[in-house]
Amino acid sequence: MSTMSNNPTPAGETPSALTAAQKFLRDAATKSADLVHREIIRKNMDSYDAAHNRGRARIKDWEAARRKCQEIKREAINNLDKYLLQFEQKVLERGGHVFWAANGDEACAYIKDLAIGRGVKTVVKSKSMVTEEMHLAPVLEAAGMRVWETDLGEFIVQLRNEAPYHIVTPAMHLDRNQIRDLFREKLGEDIPDADPQKLVALARRKLREAFFAAEMGISGANFLVADAGVVAITTNEGNGRLSTSLPRIHVAVTGIEKVIPRLEDLGTLWPVLATSGTGQPITTYSTLVGGPKRADEADGPEEFHVVLLDNGRSGLLANAEEREVLHCIRCGACLNICPVYRNIGGHTYNTTYPGPIGSVLTPHLRGSEFQHLSYASSLCGACTSVCPVNINLHHHLLHNRRDFTKAGGAKTGGERTQFKLWRTAMLHPRLYALGGWMMRHSLRLVYGMGLAGTALDPMRAWSRKRRPVTLPAQSFRARWKKELSKSDQGRSAGGSK
């Protein structure tokens, strides 16, 4: 089997002919019209909703659990320097190595040089969004190494040569028949009935070969425990433990915001993460890794390295108003509840972190090119309501929009003119009333001539795909004035008696 980069086109890069915003609008229109895609996502999301509701019911006071998680992350982020140094000291004491990477290029260079220096030919990876963020796999493959994604969903999208669709369930957008066809094409084995157990068994056989051949295993980290100096990893497949224990070198790659103060904090964070992510009471495998194996241990890596990635996080940390975005524990709950994500899907965002959290985070990490994502929201607040660490996501989307507008990049000249006209009308009631009268009569003329949905229709964005808006016989202002007049007449008649 030839390996492929699981993200051959780095997330966020677009063809030169299209800006990121234009590509987003094009892909959103395509995906929202794809009824097969929408049906697959709807079924998966309905299943998640049911599991999530059951999971929340198992916790006596869900809101209290959320507040506790929020407190833990707030303490960690507000004292990030202290806890990261404490974590580093503990790892070093056990014989591990810690590398501080200012950006993705530095992190990739460190891991590549380490692999080349140790003669690594095969690398196995458990699921890690941070390695997606820094585009690690293509760098290692360009250096001549074979890189295997070992999470089943990641393995599937790697075979498809595409980025993960979702931060928790990377292949959510595919049904089992599509996976069967993919395995037949890429792995050379056909499973006619597309039985899920047989598909998993086929992937397991292929991946076991990689596990036993790999010299380096790479993982992410769900949490970095400062007082214990251990990396906490949660997975629902055994690939996480195989990737971190079988190869002679283990590299954990993580964002600096993943640190938490105490080991006991996992007692709250782990079950809340599992409930928010998949609805489980706790994730199937909860693993703590703190260093290379000792002389009296049979299993474990000979070398243990932790790469702490900044990549824009320090800038976000310095912004007191936006800092709580770093509290995110990557559960995916906001993606699952978001009506926009449910219709346009994960790949449309064209960035490592899709959905509401990605729309908030990405402009801070990757710049103004991705500010259009802040507008990819209905601002319904559903994301905020499910966030297990109480991040006020929809308000941060508004903050991003505000900041983008202040920087002069949010609106075109035409849009700015329209808003100025709207402001003028709102400040002058008679002008507002005249505008409403003109619009009603113009629309009656357009609709009467059968031009609804054409370029001459001011409501074209609505009526080209929907029934034209029903026009009232009179404005609300006129009706209100009429009702007030009736009320005054009634009071006058009552008084005369």
Protein backbone atom coordinates (compact mmCIF):
# COMPACT_ATOMS: atom_id res chain seq x y z
CA MET A 1 0.00 0.00 0.00
CA SER A 2 1.34 3.44 -0.87
CA THR A 3 0.79 6.01 1.80
CA MET A 4 -0.67 9.38 1.11
CA SER A 5 -0.58 12.66 2.93
CA ASN A 6 -3.72 12.93 4.98
CA ASN A 7 -3.74 16.63 4.18
CA PRO A 8 -1.94 17.15 0.89
CA THR A 9 -3.25 20.67 0.45
CA PRO A 10 -2.65 22.46 3.75
CA ALA A 11 -5.88 23.52 5.37
CA GLY A 12 -6.57 27.12 4.52
CA GLU A 13 -4.73 27.17 1.19
CA THR A 14 -6.91 27.82 -1.84
CA PRO A 15 -6.42 27.95 -5.59
CA SER A 16 -5.03 31.30 -6.70
CA ALA A 17 -8.19 32.02 -8.70
CA LEU A 18 -10.34 32.09 -5.55
CA THR A 19 -9.99 33.79 -2.21
CA ALA A 20 -10.69 31.74 0.90
CA ALA A 21 -14.03 33.51 1.30
CA GLN A 22 -15.06 32.86 -2.31
CA LYS A 23 -14.10 29.20 -2.06
CA PHE A 24 -16.09 28.90 1.17
CA LEU A 25 -19.23 30.32 -0.45
CA ARG A 26 -18.84 28.07 -3.49
CA ASP A 27 -18.29 24.92 -1.43
CA ALA A 28 -21.09 25.82 1.00
CA ALA A 29 -23.54 26.13 -1.88
CA THR A 30 -22.39 22.80 -3.31
CA LYS A 31 -22.55 20.86 -0.04
CA SER A 32 -25.86 22.31 1.13
CA ALA A 33 -27.40 21.16 -2.16
CA ASP A 34 -25.94 17.63 -1.84
CA LEU A 35 -28.87 15.69 -0.42
CA VAL A 36 -26.89 12.45 -0.01
CA HIS A 37 -24.26 14.23 2.06
CA ARG A 38 -26.91 15.98 4.16
CA GLU A 39 -28.73 12.72 4.84
CA ILE A 40 -25.53 11.00 6.03
CA ILE A 41 -24.72 13.90 8.35
CA ARG A 42 -28.30 14.13 9.62
CA LYS A 43 -28.32 10.46 10.60
CA ASN A 44 -24.96 10.72 12.32
CA MET A 45 -25.93 13.89 14.16
CA ASP A 46 -29.26 12.43 15.28
CA SER A 47 -27.38 9.45 16.72
CA TYR A 48 -24.97 11.80 18.50
CA ASP A 49 -27.80 13.93 19.91
CA ALA A 50 -29.45 10.88 21.46
CA ALA A 51 -26.17 9.64 22.97
CA HIS A 52 -25.26 13.10 24.24
CA ASN A 53 -28.61 13.54 25.98
CA ARG A 54 -28.28 10.13 27.63
CA GLY A 55 -24.74 10.98 28.72
CA ARG A 56 -25.74 14.28 30.28
CA ALA A 57 -28.52 12.54 32.20
CA ARG A 58 -25.94 10.32 33.90
CA ILE A 59 -24.26 13.35 35.48
CA LYS A 60 -26.20 14.56 38.52
CA ASP A 61 -25.63 18.28 37.87
CA TRP A 62 -24.43 18.90 34.34
CA GLU A 63 -24.26 22.67 34.71
CA ALA A 64 -22.16 22.34 37.86
CA ALA A 65 -19.79 20.04 35.95
CA ARG A 66 -19.49 22.61 33.18
CA ARG A 67 -18.71 25.36 35.67
CA LYS A 68 -16.04 23.20 37.30
CA CYS A 69 -14.41 22.50 33.93
CA GLN A 70 -14.51 26.20 33.15
CA GLU A 71 -12.80 26.99 36.47
CA ILE A 72 -10.06 24.43 35.84
CA LYS A 73 -9.29 25.74 32.37
CA ARG A 74 -9.47 29.37 33.46
CA GLU A 75 -6.95 28.71 36.21
CA ALA A 76 -4.66 26.89 33.79
CA ILE A 77 -4.79 29.52 31.02
CA ASN A 78 -4.42 32.46 33.40
CA ASN A 79 -1.30 30.80 34.85
CA LEU A 80 -0.08 29.16 31.67
CA ASP A 81 3.61 29.97 32.13
CA LYS A 82 3.68 28.51 35.63
CA TYR A 83 1.97 25.24 34.75
CA LEU A 84 3.86 24.66 31.50
CA LEU A 85 7.20 25.04 33.29
CA GLN A 86 6.03 22.69 36.02
CA PHE A 87 5.01 20.14 33.40
CA GLU A 88 8.34 20.47 31.60
CA GLN A 89 10.32 19.97 34.79
CA LYS A 90 8.47 16.76 35.62
CA VAL A 91 9.00 15.34 32.13
CA LEU A 92 12.70 16.16 32.19
CA GLU A 93 13.09 14.52 35.59
CA ARG A 94 11.81 11.26 34.09
CA GLY A 95 14.26 11.34 31.22
CA GLY A 96 11.93 12.84 28.62
CA HIS A 97 12.59 15.76 26.27
CA VAL A 98 10.54 18.93 25.78
CA PHE A 99 10.78 21.16 22.72
CA TRP A 100 9.12 24.59 22.59
CA ALA A 101 8.03 25.40 19.04
CA ALA A 102 7.07 28.97 18.15
CA ASN A 103 5.28 27.82 15.01
CA GLY A 104 4.46 24.79 12.90
CA ASP A 105 7.63 25.00 10.84
CA GLU A 106 9.82 24.75 13.95
CA ALA A 107 7.79 21.81 15.27
CA CYS A 108 7.95 19.95 11.95
CA ALA A 109 11.68 20.58 11.62
CA TYR A 110 12.35 19.21 15.12
CA ILE A 111 10.38 16.02 14.51
CA LYS A 112 11.81 15.51 11.02
CA ASP A 113 15.39 15.98 12.22
CA LEU A 114 14.75 13.62 15.13
CA ALA A 115 13.35 10.97 12.79
CA ILE A 116 16.19 11.31 10.29
CA GLY A 117 18.78 11.21 13.05
CA ARG A 118 17.31 7.99 14.46
CA GLY A 119 16.95 6.30 11.08
CA VAL A 120 13.14 6.26 11.14
CA LYS A 121 11.49 4.81 8.03
CA THR A 122 7.94 4.18 9.26
CA VAL A 123 5.81 6.45 11.46
CA VAL A 124 2.45 5.62 13.04
CA LYS A 125 0.19 8.42 14.23
CA SER A 126 -2.77 8.39 16.52
CA LYS A 127 -5.34 11.13 15.94
CA SER A 128 -3.98 14.62 16.49
CA MET A 129 -5.52 17.83 15.20
CA VAL A 130 -2.38 19.78 16.11
CA THR A 131 -0.33 17.72 13.67
CA GLU A 132 -2.99 18.52 11.07
CA GLU A 133 -2.63 22.19 11.94
CA MET A 134 1.13 22.14 11.31
CA HIS A 135 0.90 19.77 8.29
CA LEU A 136 3.34 17.28 9.76
CA ALA A 137 2.58 14.22 7.64
CA PRO A 138 3.53 15.83 4.28
CA VAL A 139 6.81 17.05 5.79
CA LEU A 140 7.78 13.56 6.97
CA GLU A 141 6.69 11.95 3.72
CA ALA A 142 8.76 14.45 1.74
CA ALA A 143 11.73 13.30 3.82
CA GLY A 144 11.18 9.73 2.64
CA MET A 145 9.20 8.26 5.54
CA ARG A 146 5.99 6.28 5.36
CA VAL A 147 3.35 7.83 7.60
CA TRP A 148 0.32 5.84 8.71
CA GLU A 149 -2.76 7.37 10.29
CA THR A 150 -3.94 4.68 12.69
CA ASP A 151 -7.25 6.08 13.96
CA LEU A 152 -9.84 4.36 11.76
CA GLY A 153 -11.49 7.58 10.63
CA GLU A 154 -8.14 9.23 9.97
CA PHE A 155 -6.97 6.12 8.10
CA ILE A 156 -10.04 6.34 5.87
CA VAL A 157 -9.58 10.02 5.00
CA GLN A 158 -5.86 9.44 4.47
CA LEU A 159 -6.74 6.83 1.85
CA ARG A 160 -9.07 9.40 0.27
CA ASN A 161 -6.25 11.95 0.28
CA GLU A 162 -8.33 14.50 2.14
CA ALA A 163 -8.34 16.31 5.49
CA PRO A 164 -10.44 15.15 8.48
CA TYR A 165 -14.07 16.15 8.19
CA HIS A 166 -14.65 16.52 11.93
CA ILE A 167 -12.28 16.93 14.88
CA VAL A 168 -13.67 13.84 16.68
CA THR A 169 -15.08 11.69 13.88
CA PRO A 170 -12.88 12.37 10.83
CA ALA A 171 -14.90 10.24 8.36
CA MET A 172 -18.40 11.24 9.51
CA HIS A 173 -19.33 12.23 5.95
CA LEU A 174 -19.03 8.71 4.56
CA ASP A 175 -21.37 5.74 4.76
CA ARG A 176 -20.21 2.13 4.92
CA ASN A 177 -20.78 1.51 1.20
CA GLN A 178 -18.48 4.37 0.31
CA ILE A 179 -15.86 3.00 2.72
CA ARG A 180 -16.28 -0.48 1.20
CA ASP A 181 -15.62 0.94 -2.25
CA LEU A 182 -12.61 2.86 -0.95
CA PHE A 183 -11.08 -0.23 0.68
CA ARG A 184 -11.63 -2.24 -2.47
CA GLU A 185 -9.79 0.38 -4.53
CA LYS A 186 -6.94 1.17 -2.11
CA LEU A 187 -6.48 -2.04 -0.14
CA GLY A 188 -7.35 -4.53 -2.84
CA GLU A 189 -9.99 -6.47 -0.88
CA ASP A 190 -13.73 -6.50 -1.51
CA ILE A 191 -16.35 -6.85 1.22
CA PRO A 192 -19.59 -7.15 -0.78
CA ASP A 193 -22.00 -6.71 2.12
CA ALA A 194 -20.07 -3.71 3.54
CA ASP A 195 -20.35 -5.25 6.99
CA PRO A 196 -18.83 -2.76 9.49
CA GLN A 197 -17.08 -5.48 11.51
CA LYS A 198 -15.44 -6.88 8.39
CA LEU A 199 -14.38 -3.41 7.25
CA VAL A 200 -12.81 -2.73 10.64
CA ALA A 201 -11.09 -6.12 10.62
CA LEU A 202 -9.56 -5.35 7.22
CA ALA A 203 -8.24 -2.00 8.43
CA ARG A 204 -6.90 -3.63 11.59
CA ARG A 205 -4.91 -6.21 9.61
CA LYS A 206 -3.31 -3.52 7.48
CA LEU A 207 -2.51 -1.28 10.43
CA ARG A 208 -1.02 -4.05 12.58
CA GLU A 209 1.71 -4.42 9.99
CA ALA A 210 2.50 -0.74 10.38
CA PHE A 211 2.51 -0.84 14.20
CA PHE A 212 5.13 -3.58 14.28
CA ALA A 213 7.26 -1.93 11.62
CA ALA A 214 7.24 1.61 12.99
CA GLU A 215 10.27 3.14 14.66
CA MET A 216 8.40 6.30 15.69
CA GLY A 217 4.92 6.83 17.13
CA ILE A 218 3.31 10.27 17.17
CA SER A 219 0.34 11.23 19.30
CA GLY A 220 -1.54 14.31 20.29
CA ALA A 221 -2.57 15.16 23.83
CA ASN A 222 -5.97 15.84 25.31
CA PHE A 223 -4.45 17.28 28.48
CA LEU A 224 -1.01 17.99 29.92
CA VAL A 225 -1.07 17.42 33.67
CA ALA A 226 1.28 19.92 35.29
CA ASP A 227 1.73 18.49 38.79
CA ALA A 228 2.30 14.94 37.50
CA GLY A 229 4.17 15.75 34.29
CA VAL A 230 2.09 13.32 32.22
CA VAL A 231 0.29 13.50 28.89
CA ALA A 232 -3.35 12.40 29.09
CA ILE A 233 -4.65 10.77 25.90
CA THR A 234 -8.22 9.63 25.32
CA THR A 235 -9.14 7.31 22.45
CA ASN A 236 -11.88 4.86 21.56
CA GLU A 237 -9.51 2.57 19.68
CA GLY A 238 -6.42 0.69 20.77
CA ASN A 239 -4.33 2.54 18.19
CA GLY A 240 -3.46 5.26 20.70
CA ARG A 241 -1.74 2.86 23.08
CA LEU A 242 -0.07 0.92 20.28
CA SER A 243 1.30 4.12 18.74
CA THR A 244 2.75 5.29 22.04
CA SER A 245 4.16 1.99 23.33
CA LEU A 246 5.37 -0.19 20.44
CA PRO A 247 7.73 2.15 18.53
CA ARG A 248 11.04 2.94 20.18
CA ILE A 249 10.38 6.70 19.95
CA HIS A 250 7.20 8.43 21.10
CA VAL A 251 6.59 12.07 20.21
CA ALA A 252 3.58 13.84 21.76
CA VAL A 253 2.64 16.99 19.86
CA THR A 254 0.33 19.44 21.58
CA GLY A 255 -0.78 23.04 21.75
CA ILE A 256 0.43 24.93 24.82
CA GLU A 257 -3.17 25.53 25.93
CA LYS A 258 -3.75 21.84 26.76
CA VAL A 259 -2.14 22.08 30.21
CA ILE A 260 -4.23 21.60 33.38
CA PRO A 261 -3.04 22.13 36.97
CA ARG A 262 -3.61 18.83 38.75
CA LEU A 263 -4.03 15.11 38.14
CA GLU A 264 -7.28 15.16 40.12
CA ASP A 265 -8.76 17.57 37.57
CA LEU A 266 -9.04 14.64 35.16
CA GLY A 267 -11.76 13.27 37.42
CA THR A 268 -13.99 16.06 36.13
CA LEU A 269 -12.59 16.72 32.69
CA TRP A 270 -12.43 13.16 31.37
CA PRO A 271 -16.11 12.24 31.86
CA VAL A 272 -17.30 15.65 30.67
CA LEU A 273 -15.10 15.37 27.57
CA ALA A 274 -16.44 11.88 26.83
CA THR A 275 -20.06 12.96 27.35
CA SER A 276 -19.69 16.03 25.14
CA GLY A 277 -17.68 14.25 22.47
CA THR A 278 -19.57 10.98 22.00
CA GLY A 279 -22.10 10.63 24.83
CA GLN A 280 -20.02 7.94 26.57
CA PRO A 281 -19.62 7.81 30.38
CA ILE A 282 -15.88 7.77 29.75
CA THR A 283 -13.73 7.21 26.69
CA THR A 284 -12.74 3.57 26.07
CA TYR A 285 -9.01 4.15 26.56
CA SER A 286 -7.77 6.81 28.98
CA THR A 287 -3.98 6.74 28.98
CA LEU A 288 -1.30 8.63 30.94
CA VAL A 289 2.20 8.84 29.46
CA GLY A 290 5.03 10.53 31.32
CA GLY A 291 8.37 9.44 29.92
CA PRO A 292 10.42 6.63 28.38
CA LYS A 293 10.25 3.15 29.81
CA ARG A 294 12.37 2.42 32.87
CA ALA A 295 14.98 -0.32 33.04
CA ASP A 296 12.57 -2.63 34.87
CA GLU A 297 9.74 -2.14 32.34
CA ALA A 298 9.16 -4.37 29.33
CA ASP A 299 6.89 -2.04 27.36
CA GLY A 300 7.14 1.56 26.30
CA PRO A 301 9.33 3.77 24.16
CA GLU A 302 13.06 4.19 24.62
CA GLU A 303 12.71 7.93 23.94
CA PHE A 304 9.89 10.28 24.89
CA HIS A 305 9.57 13.76 23.39
CA VAL A 306 6.92 16.44 23.94
CA VAL A 307 6.58 19.23 21.36
CA LEU A 308 4.78 22.26 22.80
CA LEU A 309 3.34 24.30 19.93
CA ASP A 310 2.52 28.00 20.17
CA ASN A 311 1.61 28.88 16.58
CA GLY A 312 -0.31 32.04 17.48
CA ARG A 313 -1.68 30.94 20.83
CA SER A 314 0.43 33.41 22.81
CA GLY A 315 -1.10 36.26 20.84
CA LEU A 316 -4.55 35.01 21.73
CA LEU A 317 -3.47 34.60 25.35
CA ALA A 318 -2.45 38.27 25.43
CA ASN A 319 -5.96 39.31 24.37
CA ALA A 320 -7.86 39.36 27.67
CA GLU A 321 -11.23 39.63 25.91
CA GLU A 322 -10.65 36.60 23.68
CA ARG A 323 -8.44 34.50 25.95
CA GLU A 324 -11.15 32.05 26.97
CA VAL A 325 -11.15 30.59 23.45
CA LEU A 326 -8.04 28.70 24.63
CA HIS A 327 -10.21 26.86 27.16
CA CYS A 328 -11.49 24.58 24.39
CA ILE A 329 -11.02 20.84 25.06
CA ARG A 330 -11.78 19.80 21.43
CA CYS A 331 -14.89 17.74 22.18
CA GLY A 332 -16.66 18.69 18.94
CA ALA A 333 -20.00 19.42 20.65
CA CYS A 334 -20.28 22.85 19.05
CA LEU A 335 -19.83 21.35 15.59
CA ASN A 336 -22.50 18.76 16.22
CA ILE A 337 -25.12 21.29 17.33
CA CYS A 338 -24.36 24.03 14.80
CA PRO A 339 -27.07 24.36 12.10
CA VAL A 340 -24.51 25.79 9.66
CA TYR A 341 -22.04 22.92 10.12
CA ARG A 342 -24.87 20.39 9.80
CA ASN A 343 -25.69 21.73 6.34
CA ILE A 344 -22.34 22.64 4.81
CA GLY A 345 -20.09 20.05 6.47
CA GLY A 346 -16.54 20.15 7.74
CA HIS A 347 -14.52 20.37 4.55
CA THR A 348 -16.25 23.57 3.45
CA TYR A 349 -14.41 25.52 6.16
CA ASN A 350 -11.09 24.59 4.51
CA THR A 351 -9.23 24.81 7.79
CA THR A 352 -8.02 22.45 10.50
CA TYR A 353 -10.73 23.37 13.02
CA PRO A 354 -14.19 23.68 11.43
CA GLY A 355 -17.49 24.68 12.99
CA PRO A 356 -18.04 27.40 15.60
CA ILE A 357 -14.79 26.89 17.52
CA GLY A 358 -12.83 26.92 14.27
CA SER A 359 -14.65 30.05 13.09
CA VAL A 360 -13.60 31.77 16.32
CA LEU A 361 -10.07 30.36 16.57
CA THR A 362 -8.82 30.29 12.97
CA PRO A 363 -8.76 34.06 12.32
CA HIS A 364 -6.57 34.45 15.41
CA LEU A 365 -4.19 31.69 14.36
CA ARG A 366 -4.12 32.22 10.58
CA GLY A 367 -5.02 35.87 10.07
CA SER A 368 -7.65 38.04 8.41
CA GLU A 369 -7.86 35.81 5.32
CA PHE A 370 -10.18 33.62 7.39
CA GLN A 371 -12.36 36.32 8.94
CA HIS A 372 -15.20 35.26 6.66
CA LEU A 373 -15.61 32.22 8.94
CA SER A 374 -16.82 34.56 11.69
CA TYR A 375 -19.85 35.25 9.48
CA ALA A 376 -20.56 31.52 8.93
CA SER A 377 -22.97 31.50 11.84
CA SER A 378 -26.61 32.24 12.58
CA LEU A 379 -25.57 33.50 16.06
CA CYS A 380 -28.29 31.25 17.50
CA GLY A 381 -26.12 30.53 20.54
CA ALA A 382 -26.51 26.74 20.36
CA CYS A 383 -22.72 26.32 20.37
CA THR A 384 -22.42 28.30 23.60
CA SER A 385 -25.21 26.30 25.22
CA VAL A 386 -23.44 22.94 24.73
CA CYS A 387 -19.81 23.94 25.28
CA PRO A 388 -18.58 21.86 28.26
CA VAL A 389 -16.25 24.65 29.42
CA ASN A 390 -18.80 27.45 28.90
CA ILE A 391 -16.93 29.33 26.15
CA ASN A 392 -19.18 32.18 24.99
CA LEU A 393 -18.69 31.20 21.37
CA HIS A 394 -21.33 33.27 19.63
CA HIS A 395 -20.16 36.43 21.39
CA HIS A 396 -16.58 35.72 20.28
CA LEU A 397 -17.87 35.43 16.72
CA LEU A 398 -19.34 38.90 17.14
CA HIS A 399 -16.03 40.14 18.59
CA ASN A 400 -14.22 38.83 15.51
CA ARG A 401 -16.69 40.60 13.24
CA ARG A 402 -16.29 43.83 15.18
CA ASP A 403 -12.50 43.68 15.04
CA PHE A 404 -12.54 42.87 11.34
CA THR A 405 -14.84 45.80 10.66
CA LYS A 406 -12.62 48.16 12.64
CA ALA A 407 -9.67 47.00 10.58
CA GLY A 408 -11.57 48.03 7.44
CA GLY A 409 -11.80 44.58 5.97
CA ALA A 410 -15.32 43.37 6.63
CA LYS A 411 -17.46 45.24 4.13
CA THR A 412 -17.12 46.24 0.51
CA GLY A 413 -17.67 49.83 -0.50
CA GLY A 414 -21.17 48.95 -1.67
CA GLU A 415 -22.06 47.30 1.63
CA ARG A 416 -20.74 50.25 3.61
CA THR A 417 -22.88 52.59 1.52
CA GLN A 418 -25.95 50.45 2.14
CA PHE A 419 -25.38 50.47 5.89
CA LYS A 420 -24.91 54.24 5.88
CA LEU A 421 -28.23 54.64 4.04
CA TRP A 422 -29.90 52.27 6.48
CA ARG A 423 -28.53 54.25 9.43
CA THR A 424 -29.79 57.50 7.93
CA ALA A 425 -33.25 56.01 7.40
CA MET A 426 -33.41 54.68 10.95
CA LEU A 427 -32.57 58.13 12.32
CA HIS A 428 -35.30 59.83 10.25
CA PRO A 429 -38.74 58.19 10.69
CA ARG A 430 -40.37 59.95 7.74
CA LEU A 431 -37.59 58.86 5.41
CA TYR A 432 -37.91 55.29 6.77
CA ALA A 433 -41.67 55.35 6.13
CA LEU A 434 -41.13 56.64 2.58
CA GLY A 435 -38.59 53.90 1.89
CA GLY A 436 -41.01 51.23 3.11
CA TRP A 437 -43.80 52.61 0.92
CA MET A 438 -41.55 52.64 -2.12
CA MET A 439 -40.35 49.08 -1.49
CA ARG A 440 -43.87 47.69 -1.12
CA HIS A 441 -45.08 49.31 -4.32
CA SER A 442 -41.93 48.32 -6.22
CA LEU A 443 -42.29 44.68 -5.18
CA ARG A 444 -45.98 44.64 -6.15
CA LEU A 445 -44.99 45.87 -9.60
CA VAL A 446 -42.15 43.33 -9.94
CA TYR A 447 -44.31 40.42 -8.76
CA GLY A 448 -47.22 41.53 -10.90
CA MET A 449 -44.98 41.39 -13.99
CA GLY A 450 -43.78 37.89 -13.09
CA LEU A 451 -40.21 39.02 -12.40
CA ALA A 452 -39.83 37.47 -8.95
CA GLY A 453 -36.36 35.98 -8.52
CA THR A 454 -34.88 37.84 -11.48
CA ALA A 455 -32.12 40.43 -11.40
CA LEU A 456 -34.81 43.14 -11.15
CA ASP A 457 -36.20 41.69 -7.92
CA PRO A 458 -34.79 43.49 -4.82
CA MET A 459 -35.65 40.38 -2.81
CA ARG A 460 -33.92 38.06 -5.28
CA ALA A 461 -31.69 36.45 -2.63
CA TRP A 462 -34.88 35.17 -1.00
CA SER A 463 -37.35 34.70 -3.81
CA ARG A 464 -35.16 32.97 -6.40
CA LYS A 465 -35.44 29.73 -4.39
CA ARG A 466 -38.55 30.42 -2.28
CA ARG A 467 -42.06 31.68 -2.69
CA PRO A 468 -42.04 35.49 -2.89
CA VAL A 469 -42.62 37.33 0.34
CA THR A 470 -46.30 38.08 0.93
CA LEU A 471 -46.76 41.84 0.86
CA PRO A 472 -49.05 43.42 3.47
CA ALA A 473 -51.77 45.76 2.36
CA GLN A 474 -50.38 48.45 4.64
CA SER A 475 -47.29 49.00 6.74
CA PHE A 476 -47.02 48.18 10.42
CA ARG A 477 -46.78 51.91 11.14
CA ALA A 478 -50.09 52.53 9.36
CA ARG A 479 -51.78 49.64 11.16
CA TRP A 480 -50.43 50.82 14.50
CA LYS A 481 -51.68 54.36 13.86
CA LYS A 482 -55.10 52.98 12.91
CA GLU A 483 -55.31 50.85 16.06
CA LEU A 484 -54.31 53.79 18.25
CA SER A 485 -57.01 55.87 16.61
CA LYS A 486 -59.62 53.17 17.33
CA SER A 487 -58.45 52.95 20.93
CA ASP A 488 -58.66 56.73 21.37
CA GLN A 489 -62.15 56.76 19.90
CA GLY A 490 -63.19 53.97 22.26
CA ARG A 491 -61.91 55.85 25.28
CA SER A 492 -63.67 59.04 24.11
CA ALA A 493 -66.95 57.19 23.68
CA GLY A 494 -66.62 55.63 27.12
CA GLY A 495 -65.92 59.01 28.70
CA SER A 496 -68.96 60.71 27.10
CA LYS A 497 -71.28 58.21 28.71
